């Protein structure tokens, strides 16, 4: 069985980016025909795998296009493309991007964001390094999510971020650093802190 898909891109750069994504992420047989900025993709395989592959190809086409207000980044694609020093929860990426001014959320198996894909990759790599660094702190997992996202968004070190968040009433600073509020309230609190500091 096969499925045919057709995509129109703005320029050759988008086409090349899309073809690179296909090569890296598609695991079914496929044929590609490129005509200027039109790309025709024919997927071959069994019905169930074809449906999943077609959805992935559509997502990859969306990632390759510039100028879109919101992007849907499949988490599988993101974690294949990024070099992680330490695994990180996807919602920490969303929180950090939101704090940086790119509204983002994890919905199902995808990250929906206004950030360019390259910005998402850069953010994930930096957060991963910060997660590795945070292993030296005695901190609860939920508190680590908040501290790392805040530290990344503000450009501060982890210790400085912990101090600021403790002074702001978001964290308890004892033998073990923990959240003073439920996770969702802590997310809202750090967003307000960052928005206050913005010029």
N, C-alpha and C. Protein backbone atom coordinates (compact mmCIF):
# COMPACT_ATOMS: atom_id res chain seq x y z
N UNK A 1 0.84 -1.17 0.00
CA UNK A 1 0.00 0.00 0.00
C UNK A 1 0.89 1.25 0.00
N UNK A 2 0.37 2.34 -0.54
CA UNK A 2 1.14 3.58 -0.53
C UNK A 2 0.23 4.78 -0.32
N UNK A 3 0.84 5.88 0.10
CA UNK A 3 0.15 7.16 0.30
C UNK A 3 1.00 8.23 -0.39
N UNK A 4 0.35 9.12 -1.13
CA UNK A 4 1.04 10.23 -1.77
C UNK A 4 0.72 11.54 -1.07
N UNK A 5 1.73 12.35 -0.81
CA UNK A 5 1.56 13.64 -0.15
C UNK A 5 2.27 14.71 -0.98
N UNK A 6 1.73 15.91 -0.96
CA UNK A 6 2.31 17.00 -1.73
C UNK A 6 2.45 18.22 -0.83
N UNK A 7 3.62 18.90 -0.94
CA UNK A 7 3.88 20.08 -0.11
C UNK A 7 4.46 21.19 -0.96
N UNK A 8 4.09 22.43 -0.63
CA UNK A 8 4.61 23.62 -1.29
C UNK A 8 5.37 24.42 -0.24
N UNK A 9 6.61 24.80 -0.58
CA UNK A 9 7.44 25.56 0.34
C UNK A 9 7.73 26.93 -0.26
N UNK A 10 8.23 27.86 0.57
CA UNK A 10 8.49 29.22 0.12
C UNK A 10 9.77 29.34 -0.71
N UNK A 11 10.79 28.55 -0.33
CA UNK A 11 12.06 28.66 -1.05
C UNK A 11 12.83 27.34 -0.97
N UNK A 12 13.95 27.31 -1.65
CA UNK A 12 14.77 26.10 -1.73
C UNK A 12 15.33 25.69 -0.36
N UNK A 13 15.61 26.68 0.50
CA UNK A 13 16.13 26.39 1.84
C UNK A 13 15.15 25.55 2.65
N UNK A 14 13.86 25.90 2.56
CA UNK A 14 12.84 25.12 3.26
C UNK A 14 12.76 23.70 2.69
N UNK A 15 12.87 23.57 1.37
CA UNK A 15 12.83 22.25 0.73
C UNK A 15 13.98 21.39 1.24
N UNK A 16 15.18 21.96 1.28
CA UNK A 16 16.36 21.20 1.73
C UNK A 16 16.23 20.80 3.20
N UNK A 17 15.69 21.69 4.00
CA UNK A 17 15.48 21.38 5.42
C UNK A 17 14.49 20.21 5.56
N UNK A 18 13.41 20.25 4.78
CA UNK A 18 12.40 19.20 4.81
C UNK A 18 13.00 17.86 4.39
N UNK A 19 13.79 17.86 3.33
CA UNK A 19 14.42 16.63 2.85
C UNK A 19 15.39 16.05 3.89
N UNK A 20 16.10 16.93 4.59
CA UNK A 20 17.01 16.47 5.65
C UNK A 20 16.21 15.85 6.80
N UNK A 21 15.07 16.46 7.15
CA UNK A 21 14.22 15.89 8.20
C UNK A 21 13.72 14.51 7.78
N UNK A 22 13.29 14.37 6.53
CA UNK A 22 12.81 13.07 6.05
C UNK A 22 13.89 12.00 6.19
N UNK A 23 15.09 12.35 5.77
CA UNK A 23 16.19 11.39 5.81
C UNK A 23 16.50 10.96 7.25
N UNK A 24 16.43 11.90 8.18
CA UNK A 24 16.77 11.59 9.58
C UNK A 24 15.67 10.84 10.32
N UNK A 25 14.40 11.13 10.01
CA UNK A 25 13.32 10.67 10.88
C UNK A 25 12.34 9.67 10.28
N UNK A 26 12.34 9.50 9.00
CA UNK A 26 11.35 8.62 8.39
C UNK A 26 11.89 7.20 8.30
N UNK A 27 11.14 6.23 8.82
CA UNK A 27 11.63 4.86 8.82
C UNK A 27 10.77 3.92 7.97
N UNK A 28 10.04 4.46 7.01
CA UNK A 28 9.33 3.64 6.02
C UNK A 28 9.94 3.95 4.65
N UNK A 29 9.68 3.07 3.71
CA UNK A 29 10.18 3.33 2.35
C UNK A 29 9.44 4.53 1.77
N UNK A 30 10.18 5.38 1.07
CA UNK A 30 9.54 6.54 0.47
C UNK A 30 10.28 6.97 -0.79
N UNK A 31 9.55 7.62 -1.66
CA UNK A 31 10.10 8.22 -2.87
C UNK A 31 9.80 9.71 -2.80
N UNK A 32 10.73 10.52 -3.30
CA UNK A 32 10.55 11.97 -3.28
C UNK A 32 10.77 12.51 -4.68
N UNK A 33 9.88 13.41 -5.10
CA UNK A 33 10.03 14.11 -6.36
C UNK A 33 10.00 15.61 -6.04
N UNK A 34 11.07 16.32 -6.38
CA UNK A 34 11.16 17.74 -6.07
C UNK A 34 11.09 18.52 -7.38
N UNK A 35 10.19 19.48 -7.41
CA UNK A 35 10.06 20.37 -8.57
C UNK A 35 10.04 21.81 -8.05
N UNK A 36 11.18 22.46 -8.15
CA UNK A 36 11.38 23.80 -7.61
C UNK A 36 11.05 23.82 -6.11
N UNK A 37 9.91 24.40 -5.74
CA UNK A 37 9.56 24.44 -4.32
C UNK A 37 8.40 23.51 -3.98
N UNK A 38 8.05 22.63 -4.90
CA UNK A 38 7.02 21.61 -4.65
C UNK A 38 7.72 20.29 -4.37
N UNK A 39 7.25 19.60 -3.34
CA UNK A 39 7.82 18.30 -3.00
C UNK A 39 6.68 17.28 -2.94
N UNK A 40 6.84 16.22 -3.69
CA UNK A 40 5.87 15.12 -3.69
C UNK A 40 6.52 13.94 -2.99
N UNK A 41 5.83 13.39 -1.99
CA UNK A 41 6.37 12.28 -1.22
C UNK A 41 5.40 11.11 -1.34
N UNK A 42 5.94 9.95 -1.72
CA UNK A 42 5.13 8.73 -1.77
C UNK A 42 5.68 7.78 -0.71
N UNK A 43 4.81 7.41 0.23
CA UNK A 43 5.19 6.49 1.31
C UNK A 43 4.70 5.09 0.98
N UNK A 44 5.51 4.10 1.30
CA UNK A 44 5.14 2.72 1.01
C UNK A 44 5.27 1.88 2.27
N UNK A 45 4.32 0.96 2.47
CA UNK A 45 4.38 0.07 3.62
C UNK A 45 3.00 -0.40 4.03
N UNK A 46 2.89 -0.99 5.23
CA UNK A 46 1.59 -1.46 5.69
C UNK A 46 0.76 -0.29 6.20
N UNK A 47 -0.55 -0.48 6.26
CA UNK A 47 -1.50 0.60 6.51
C UNK A 47 -1.26 1.35 7.83
N UNK A 48 -1.05 0.62 8.92
CA UNK A 48 -0.87 1.27 10.23
C UNK A 48 0.39 2.14 10.25
N UNK A 49 1.49 1.61 9.75
CA UNK A 49 2.75 2.38 9.73
C UNK A 49 2.64 3.58 8.79
N UNK A 50 1.87 3.41 7.70
CA UNK A 50 1.71 4.53 6.75
C UNK A 50 0.98 5.71 7.37
N UNK A 51 -0.06 5.42 8.17
CA UNK A 51 -0.81 6.51 8.81
C UNK A 51 0.10 7.29 9.76
N UNK A 52 0.90 6.58 10.55
CA UNK A 52 1.83 7.24 11.48
C UNK A 52 2.89 8.02 10.70
N UNK A 53 3.41 7.40 9.64
CA UNK A 53 4.45 8.06 8.83
C UNK A 53 3.90 9.31 8.15
N UNK A 54 2.66 9.24 7.65
CA UNK A 54 2.06 10.40 6.99
C UNK A 54 1.90 11.56 7.98
N UNK A 55 1.47 11.26 9.20
CA UNK A 55 1.34 12.31 10.23
C UNK A 55 2.70 12.91 10.54
N UNK A 56 3.73 12.06 10.63
CA UNK A 56 5.08 12.55 10.90
C UNK A 56 5.58 13.44 9.77
N UNK A 57 5.36 13.04 8.53
CA UNK A 57 5.80 13.82 7.37
C UNK A 57 5.13 15.19 7.37
N UNK A 58 3.84 15.24 7.70
CA UNK A 58 3.15 16.53 7.77
C UNK A 58 3.74 17.42 8.85
N UNK A 59 4.07 16.82 10.00
CA UNK A 59 4.71 17.59 11.08
C UNK A 59 6.07 18.10 10.65
N UNK A 60 6.84 17.27 9.96
CA UNK A 60 8.17 17.67 9.49
C UNK A 60 8.08 18.79 8.48
N UNK A 61 7.05 18.76 7.63
CA UNK A 61 6.86 19.85 6.67
C UNK A 61 6.56 21.16 7.40
N UNK A 62 5.77 21.08 8.46
CA UNK A 62 5.47 22.27 9.26
C UNK A 62 6.72 22.83 9.93
N UNK A 63 7.61 21.93 10.40
CA UNK A 63 8.85 22.37 11.02
C UNK A 63 9.78 23.05 10.02
N UNK A 64 9.77 22.58 8.80
CA UNK A 64 10.67 23.11 7.77
C UNK A 64 10.25 24.50 7.30
N UNK A 65 8.98 24.82 7.43
CA UNK A 65 8.48 26.12 6.96
C UNK A 65 8.80 27.23 7.95
N UNK A 66 9.29 28.34 7.45
CA UNK A 66 9.54 29.52 8.28
C UNK A 66 8.31 30.41 8.28
N UNK A 67 8.26 31.30 9.25
CA UNK A 67 7.20 32.31 9.26
C UNK A 67 5.87 31.83 9.80
N UNK A 68 5.84 30.64 10.36
CA UNK A 68 4.59 30.15 10.94
C UNK A 68 4.48 30.66 12.36
N UNK A 69 3.26 31.00 12.77
CA UNK A 69 3.09 31.52 14.12
C UNK A 69 3.32 30.44 15.17
N UNK A 70 2.74 29.26 14.99
CA UNK A 70 2.92 28.17 15.95
C UNK A 70 3.44 26.95 15.21
N UNK A 71 4.35 26.27 15.89
CA UNK A 71 4.91 25.03 15.35
C UNK A 71 4.53 23.89 16.26
N UNK A 72 4.36 22.74 15.67
CA UNK A 72 4.09 21.52 16.42
C UNK A 72 5.31 20.63 16.22
N UNK A 73 6.11 20.49 17.27
CA UNK A 73 7.35 19.72 17.20
C UNK A 73 7.11 18.36 17.86
N UNK A 74 7.08 17.29 17.09
CA UNK A 74 6.93 15.96 17.72
C UNK A 74 8.11 15.72 18.67
N UNK A 75 7.81 15.27 19.88
CA UNK A 75 8.86 15.06 20.88
C UNK A 75 9.87 14.03 20.41
N UNK A 76 9.40 13.02 19.69
CA UNK A 76 10.30 11.99 19.15
C UNK A 76 11.34 12.63 18.23
N UNK A 77 10.91 13.56 17.39
CA UNK A 77 11.81 14.26 16.47
C UNK A 77 12.78 15.13 17.27
N UNK A 78 12.25 15.87 18.22
CA UNK A 78 13.09 16.77 19.04
C UNK A 78 14.19 15.98 19.75
N UNK A 79 13.82 14.90 20.41
CA UNK A 79 14.82 14.17 21.20
C UNK A 79 15.77 13.34 20.34
N UNK A 80 15.43 13.11 19.08
CA UNK A 80 16.39 12.48 18.16
C UNK A 80 17.42 13.51 17.67
N UNK A 81 16.98 14.75 17.49
CA UNK A 81 17.84 15.79 16.92
C UNK A 81 18.76 16.46 17.94
N UNK A 82 18.38 16.46 19.20
CA UNK A 82 19.13 17.20 20.21
C UNK A 82 20.14 16.29 20.91
N UNK A 83 21.29 16.86 21.23
CA UNK A 83 22.30 16.11 21.98
C UNK A 83 22.14 16.45 23.45
N UNK A 84 21.67 15.48 24.23
CA UNK A 84 21.39 15.71 25.63
C UNK A 84 22.52 15.22 26.53
N UNK A 85 22.93 16.08 27.46
CA UNK A 85 23.90 15.68 28.47
C UNK A 85 23.19 14.88 29.56
N UNK A 86 21.91 15.19 29.78
CA UNK A 86 21.08 14.55 30.78
C UNK A 86 19.63 14.63 30.29
N UNK A 87 18.83 13.59 30.46
CA UNK A 87 17.41 13.66 30.05
C UNK A 87 16.68 14.79 30.78
N UNK A 88 15.76 15.42 30.08
CA UNK A 88 14.97 16.49 30.67
C UNK A 88 13.49 16.29 30.35
N UNK A 89 12.61 16.65 31.27
CA UNK A 89 11.17 16.56 31.00
C UNK A 89 10.77 17.57 29.92
N UNK A 90 9.93 17.16 28.98
CA UNK A 90 9.51 18.08 27.92
C UNK A 90 8.85 19.36 28.43
N UNK A 91 8.13 19.27 29.56
CA UNK A 91 7.46 20.48 30.04
C UNK A 91 8.45 21.53 30.54
N UNK A 92 9.67 21.12 30.90
CA UNK A 92 10.69 22.10 31.30
C UNK A 92 11.11 22.91 30.07
N UNK A 93 11.20 22.26 28.91
CA UNK A 93 11.51 22.98 27.67
C UNK A 93 10.41 23.99 27.38
N UNK A 94 9.16 23.55 27.51
CA UNK A 94 8.02 24.45 27.26
C UNK A 94 8.05 25.62 28.23
N UNK A 95 8.31 25.35 29.52
CA UNK A 95 8.35 26.43 30.51
C UNK A 95 9.47 27.43 30.19
N UNK A 96 10.65 26.92 29.87
CA UNK A 96 11.79 27.80 29.59
C UNK A 96 11.51 28.66 28.36
N UNK A 97 10.94 28.07 27.32
CA UNK A 97 10.62 28.85 26.12
C UNK A 97 9.57 29.91 26.42
N UNK A 98 8.56 29.55 27.21
CA UNK A 98 7.52 30.51 27.59
C UNK A 98 8.12 31.67 28.37
N UNK A 99 9.02 31.36 29.30
CA UNK A 99 9.68 32.42 30.07
C UNK A 99 10.54 33.31 29.19
N UNK A 100 11.04 32.76 28.11
CA UNK A 100 11.88 33.54 27.18
C UNK A 100 11.04 34.33 26.17
N UNK A 101 9.71 34.22 26.25
CA UNK A 101 8.84 34.99 25.36
C UNK A 101 8.29 34.22 24.18
N UNK A 102 8.43 32.88 24.20
CA UNK A 102 7.88 32.04 23.14
C UNK A 102 6.81 31.14 23.76
N UNK A 103 5.56 31.57 23.79
CA UNK A 103 4.53 30.73 24.42
C UNK A 103 4.58 29.29 23.89
N UNK A 104 4.64 28.35 24.84
CA UNK A 104 4.83 26.93 24.48
C UNK A 104 4.08 26.05 25.46
N UNK A 105 3.70 24.87 24.99
CA UNK A 105 3.05 23.88 25.85
C UNK A 105 3.25 22.49 25.25
N UNK A 106 3.31 21.50 26.13
CA UNK A 106 3.37 20.12 25.66
C UNK A 106 1.94 19.62 25.57
N UNK A 107 1.57 19.17 24.37
CA UNK A 107 0.23 18.63 24.15
C UNK A 107 0.36 17.26 23.52
N UNK A 108 0.03 16.24 24.29
CA UNK A 108 0.19 14.88 23.80
C UNK A 108 1.65 14.56 23.59
N UNK A 109 1.98 14.14 22.40
CA UNK A 109 3.37 13.76 22.09
C UNK A 109 4.10 14.83 21.30
N UNK A 110 3.67 16.10 21.46
CA UNK A 110 4.30 17.19 20.71
C UNK A 110 4.45 18.44 21.58
N UNK A 111 5.43 19.24 21.22
CA UNK A 111 5.63 20.54 21.83
C UNK A 111 5.06 21.57 20.87
N UNK A 112 4.08 22.35 21.33
CA UNK A 112 3.53 23.43 20.51
C UNK A 112 4.18 24.72 20.97
N UNK A 113 4.79 25.44 20.03
CA UNK A 113 5.56 26.62 20.40
C UNK A 113 5.55 27.66 19.29
N UNK A 114 5.87 28.89 19.66
CA UNK A 114 6.04 29.96 18.67
C UNK A 114 7.51 30.12 18.30
N UNK A 115 8.39 29.39 18.97
CA UNK A 115 9.83 29.50 18.71
C UNK A 115 10.22 28.75 17.43
N UNK A 116 11.27 29.22 16.78
CA UNK A 116 11.83 28.50 15.63
C UNK A 116 12.41 27.18 16.13
N UNK A 117 12.48 26.19 15.26
CA UNK A 117 12.97 24.87 15.65
C UNK A 117 14.40 24.94 16.19
N UNK A 118 15.24 25.76 15.58
CA UNK A 118 16.62 25.90 16.03
C UNK A 118 16.68 26.44 17.47
N UNK A 119 15.78 27.35 17.81
CA UNK A 119 15.71 27.88 19.18
C UNK A 119 15.29 26.78 20.16
N UNK A 120 14.38 25.93 19.74
CA UNK A 120 13.93 24.81 20.58
C UNK A 120 15.11 23.86 20.85
N UNK A 121 15.88 23.55 19.79
CA UNK A 121 17.05 22.67 19.95
C UNK A 121 18.08 23.28 20.90
N UNK A 122 18.37 24.57 20.69
CA UNK A 122 19.35 25.27 21.53
C UNK A 122 18.90 25.27 22.99
N UNK A 123 17.62 25.53 23.21
CA UNK A 123 17.06 25.54 24.56
C UNK A 123 17.16 24.17 25.21
N UNK A 124 16.80 23.12 24.48
CA UNK A 124 16.85 21.77 25.04
C UNK A 124 18.27 21.37 25.42
N UNK A 125 19.24 21.70 24.57
CA UNK A 125 20.64 21.36 24.88
C UNK A 125 21.13 22.11 26.12
N UNK A 126 20.81 23.39 26.22
CA UNK A 126 21.24 24.19 27.38
C UNK A 126 20.58 23.67 28.66
N UNK A 127 19.29 23.36 28.59
CA UNK A 127 18.58 22.86 29.77
C UNK A 127 19.15 21.51 30.22
N UNK A 128 19.52 20.70 29.26
CA UNK A 128 20.10 19.40 29.58
C UNK A 128 21.40 19.55 30.35
N UNK A 129 22.24 20.50 29.93
CA UNK A 129 23.49 20.77 30.65
C UNK A 129 23.21 21.29 32.06
N UNK A 130 22.17 22.12 32.19
CA UNK A 130 21.81 22.65 33.50
C UNK A 130 21.28 21.53 34.40
N UNK A 131 20.54 20.58 33.82
CA UNK A 131 20.06 19.43 34.60
C UNK A 131 21.23 18.62 35.13
N UNK A 132 22.26 18.47 34.31
CA UNK A 132 23.46 17.75 34.74
C UNK A 132 24.12 18.50 35.90
N UNK A 133 24.21 19.82 35.76
CA UNK A 133 24.80 20.65 36.81
C UNK A 133 23.97 20.60 38.10
N UNK A 134 22.65 20.50 37.97
CA UNK A 134 21.75 20.49 39.13
C UNK A 134 21.85 19.20 39.95
N UNK A 135 22.52 18.19 39.42
CA UNK A 135 22.68 16.96 40.18
C UNK A 135 23.48 17.19 41.45
N UNK A 136 24.24 18.26 41.51
CA UNK A 136 25.02 18.59 42.71
C UNK A 136 24.18 19.23 43.80
N UNK A 137 22.94 19.62 43.48
CA UNK A 137 22.06 20.26 44.48
C UNK A 137 21.16 19.22 45.14
N UNK A 138 20.87 19.44 46.41
CA UNK A 138 19.88 18.60 47.08
C UNK A 138 18.53 19.28 46.83
N UNK A 139 17.81 18.78 45.81
CA UNK A 139 16.60 19.45 45.34
C UNK A 139 15.58 18.41 44.88
N UNK A 140 14.30 18.69 45.13
CA UNK A 140 13.24 17.77 44.69
C UNK A 140 13.08 17.87 43.17
N UNK A 141 12.54 16.84 42.52
CA UNK A 141 12.37 16.89 41.06
C UNK A 141 11.52 18.07 40.57
N UNK A 142 10.40 18.37 41.28
CA UNK A 142 9.56 19.49 40.85
C UNK A 142 10.28 20.82 41.02
N UNK A 143 11.01 20.97 42.11
CA UNK A 143 11.76 22.21 42.33
C UNK A 143 12.85 22.36 41.27
N UNK A 144 13.46 21.24 40.89
CA UNK A 144 14.51 21.28 39.86
C UNK A 144 13.93 21.80 38.55
N UNK A 145 12.72 21.37 38.19
CA UNK A 145 12.08 21.85 36.96
C UNK A 145 11.95 23.37 36.97
N UNK A 146 11.49 23.90 38.09
CA UNK A 146 11.26 25.34 38.20
C UNK A 146 12.58 26.11 38.20
N UNK A 147 13.55 25.64 38.98
CA UNK A 147 14.84 26.33 39.09
C UNK A 147 15.57 26.35 37.75
N UNK A 148 15.62 25.21 37.07
CA UNK A 148 16.34 25.13 35.80
C UNK A 148 15.68 26.03 34.75
N UNK A 149 14.35 25.98 34.63
CA UNK A 149 13.66 26.83 33.65
C UNK A 149 13.90 28.31 33.95
N UNK A 150 13.81 28.68 35.22
CA UNK A 150 14.01 30.08 35.62
C UNK A 150 15.45 30.52 35.37
N UNK A 151 16.40 29.69 35.76
CA UNK A 151 17.82 30.03 35.57
C UNK A 151 18.14 30.21 34.08
N UNK A 152 17.61 29.34 33.25
CA UNK A 152 17.86 29.46 31.81
C UNK A 152 17.25 30.75 31.26
N UNK A 153 16.00 31.01 31.63
CA UNK A 153 15.29 32.17 31.09
C UNK A 153 15.92 33.49 31.52
N UNK A 154 16.48 33.52 32.73
CA UNK A 154 17.05 34.77 33.23
C UNK A 154 18.55 34.88 33.03
N UNK A 155 19.18 33.77 32.61
CA UNK A 155 20.62 33.78 32.38
C UNK A 155 21.43 33.73 33.67
N UNK A 156 20.81 33.28 34.74
CA UNK A 156 21.50 33.21 36.04
C UNK A 156 22.02 31.81 36.28
N UNK A 157 22.94 31.68 37.24
CA UNK A 157 23.41 30.38 37.67
C UNK A 157 22.34 29.71 38.53
N UNK A 158 22.47 28.41 38.74
CA UNK A 158 21.47 27.68 39.50
C UNK A 158 21.38 28.16 40.95
N UNK A 159 22.53 28.37 41.61
CA UNK A 159 22.53 28.82 43.01
C UNK A 159 21.84 30.19 43.13
N UNK A 160 22.16 31.09 42.21
CA UNK A 160 21.55 32.42 42.24
C UNK A 160 20.04 32.34 42.01
N UNK A 161 19.63 31.46 41.10
CA UNK A 161 18.20 31.26 40.83
C UNK A 161 17.50 30.71 42.07
N UNK A 162 18.14 29.76 42.75
CA UNK A 162 17.56 29.20 43.98
C UNK A 162 17.37 30.31 45.01
N UNK A 163 18.38 31.15 45.19
CA UNK A 163 18.30 32.25 46.17
C UNK A 163 17.15 33.19 45.84
N UNK A 164 17.06 33.60 44.56
CA UNK A 164 15.99 34.53 44.15
C UNK A 164 14.61 33.92 44.35
N UNK A 165 14.47 32.66 43.96
CA UNK A 165 13.16 32.02 44.08
C UNK A 165 12.79 31.76 45.54
N UNK A 166 13.76 31.53 46.39
CA UNK A 166 13.49 31.37 47.82
C UNK A 166 13.03 32.70 48.41
N UNK A 167 13.69 33.80 48.02
CA UNK A 167 13.30 35.14 48.50
C UNK A 167 11.91 35.53 48.00
N UNK A 168 11.56 35.05 46.81
CA UNK A 168 10.26 35.37 46.22
C UNK A 168 9.14 34.50 46.77
N UNK A 169 9.47 33.51 47.59
CA UNK A 169 8.44 32.66 48.18
C UNK A 169 8.03 31.47 47.33
N UNK A 170 8.81 31.17 46.30
CA UNK A 170 8.48 30.04 45.43
C UNK A 170 9.09 28.75 45.98
N UNK A 171 10.28 28.86 46.60
CA UNK A 171 11.00 27.69 47.11
C UNK A 171 11.16 27.72 48.62
N UNK A 172 11.24 26.54 49.20
CA UNK A 172 11.69 26.37 50.58
C UNK A 172 13.16 26.00 50.51
N UNK A 173 13.96 26.69 51.29
CA UNK A 173 15.39 26.39 51.27
C UNK A 173 15.77 25.82 52.63
N UNK A 174 15.83 24.51 52.70
CA UNK A 174 16.24 23.84 53.93
C UNK A 174 17.33 22.86 53.58
N UNK A 175 17.32 21.73 54.25
CA UNK A 175 18.30 20.68 53.92
C UNK A 175 18.05 20.20 52.49
N UNK A 176 16.77 20.20 52.10
CA UNK A 176 16.37 19.82 50.76
C UNK A 176 15.58 20.97 50.15
N UNK A 177 15.97 21.43 48.97
CA UNK A 177 15.27 22.53 48.29
C UNK A 177 13.99 21.96 47.70
N UNK A 178 12.85 22.59 48.03
CA UNK A 178 11.56 22.09 47.54
C UNK A 178 10.66 23.26 47.19
N UNK A 179 9.56 22.95 46.54
CA UNK A 179 8.58 23.99 46.18
C UNK A 179 7.74 24.34 47.40
N UNK A 180 7.43 25.60 47.53
CA UNK A 180 6.56 26.06 48.61
C UNK A 180 5.10 26.01 48.15
N UNK A 181 4.89 25.90 46.85
CA UNK A 181 3.54 25.91 46.26
C UNK A 181 3.40 24.69 45.35
N UNK A 182 2.19 24.36 44.95
CA UNK A 182 2.04 23.29 43.95
C UNK A 182 2.74 23.69 42.64
N UNK A 183 3.10 22.71 41.83
CA UNK A 183 3.89 22.95 40.61
C UNK A 183 3.26 23.99 39.70
N UNK A 184 1.97 23.90 39.44
CA UNK A 184 1.32 24.86 38.52
C UNK A 184 1.38 26.28 39.07
N UNK A 185 1.18 26.44 40.38
CA UNK A 185 1.26 27.77 40.99
C UNK A 185 2.69 28.30 40.91
N UNK A 186 3.67 27.42 41.08
CA UNK A 186 5.08 27.82 40.98
C UNK A 186 5.40 28.28 39.56
N UNK A 187 4.86 27.59 38.55
CA UNK A 187 5.06 28.00 37.15
C UNK A 187 4.51 29.40 36.92
N UNK A 188 3.30 29.63 37.42
CA UNK A 188 2.68 30.96 37.26
C UNK A 188 3.50 32.03 37.99
N UNK A 189 4.01 31.68 39.16
CA UNK A 189 4.78 32.64 39.95
C UNK A 189 6.07 33.04 39.24
N UNK A 190 6.80 32.07 38.66
CA UNK A 190 8.05 32.45 37.99
C UNK A 190 7.77 33.23 36.71
N UNK A 191 6.65 32.96 36.05
CA UNK A 191 6.28 33.74 34.87
C UNK A 191 6.05 35.20 35.27
N UNK A 192 5.37 35.41 36.40
CA UNK A 192 5.12 36.78 36.88
C UNK A 192 6.43 37.47 37.24
N UNK A 193 7.34 36.74 37.87
CA UNK A 193 8.64 37.32 38.25
C UNK A 193 9.41 37.75 37.02
N UNK A 194 9.45 36.89 35.99
CA UNK A 194 10.17 37.21 34.76
C UNK A 194 9.52 38.37 34.03
N UNK A 195 8.17 38.40 34.01
CA UNK A 195 7.48 39.50 33.33
C UNK A 195 7.73 40.83 34.03
N UNK A 196 7.84 40.82 35.37
CA UNK A 196 8.14 42.05 36.12
C UNK A 196 9.52 42.59 35.80
N UNK A 197 10.47 41.67 35.59
CA UNK A 197 11.85 42.08 35.32
C UNK A 197 12.05 42.54 33.88
N UNK A 198 11.12 42.15 32.99
CA UNK A 198 11.26 42.53 31.58
C UNK A 198 11.10 44.04 31.44
N UNK A 199 11.91 44.63 30.53
CA UNK A 199 11.82 46.09 30.35
C UNK A 199 10.51 46.54 29.75
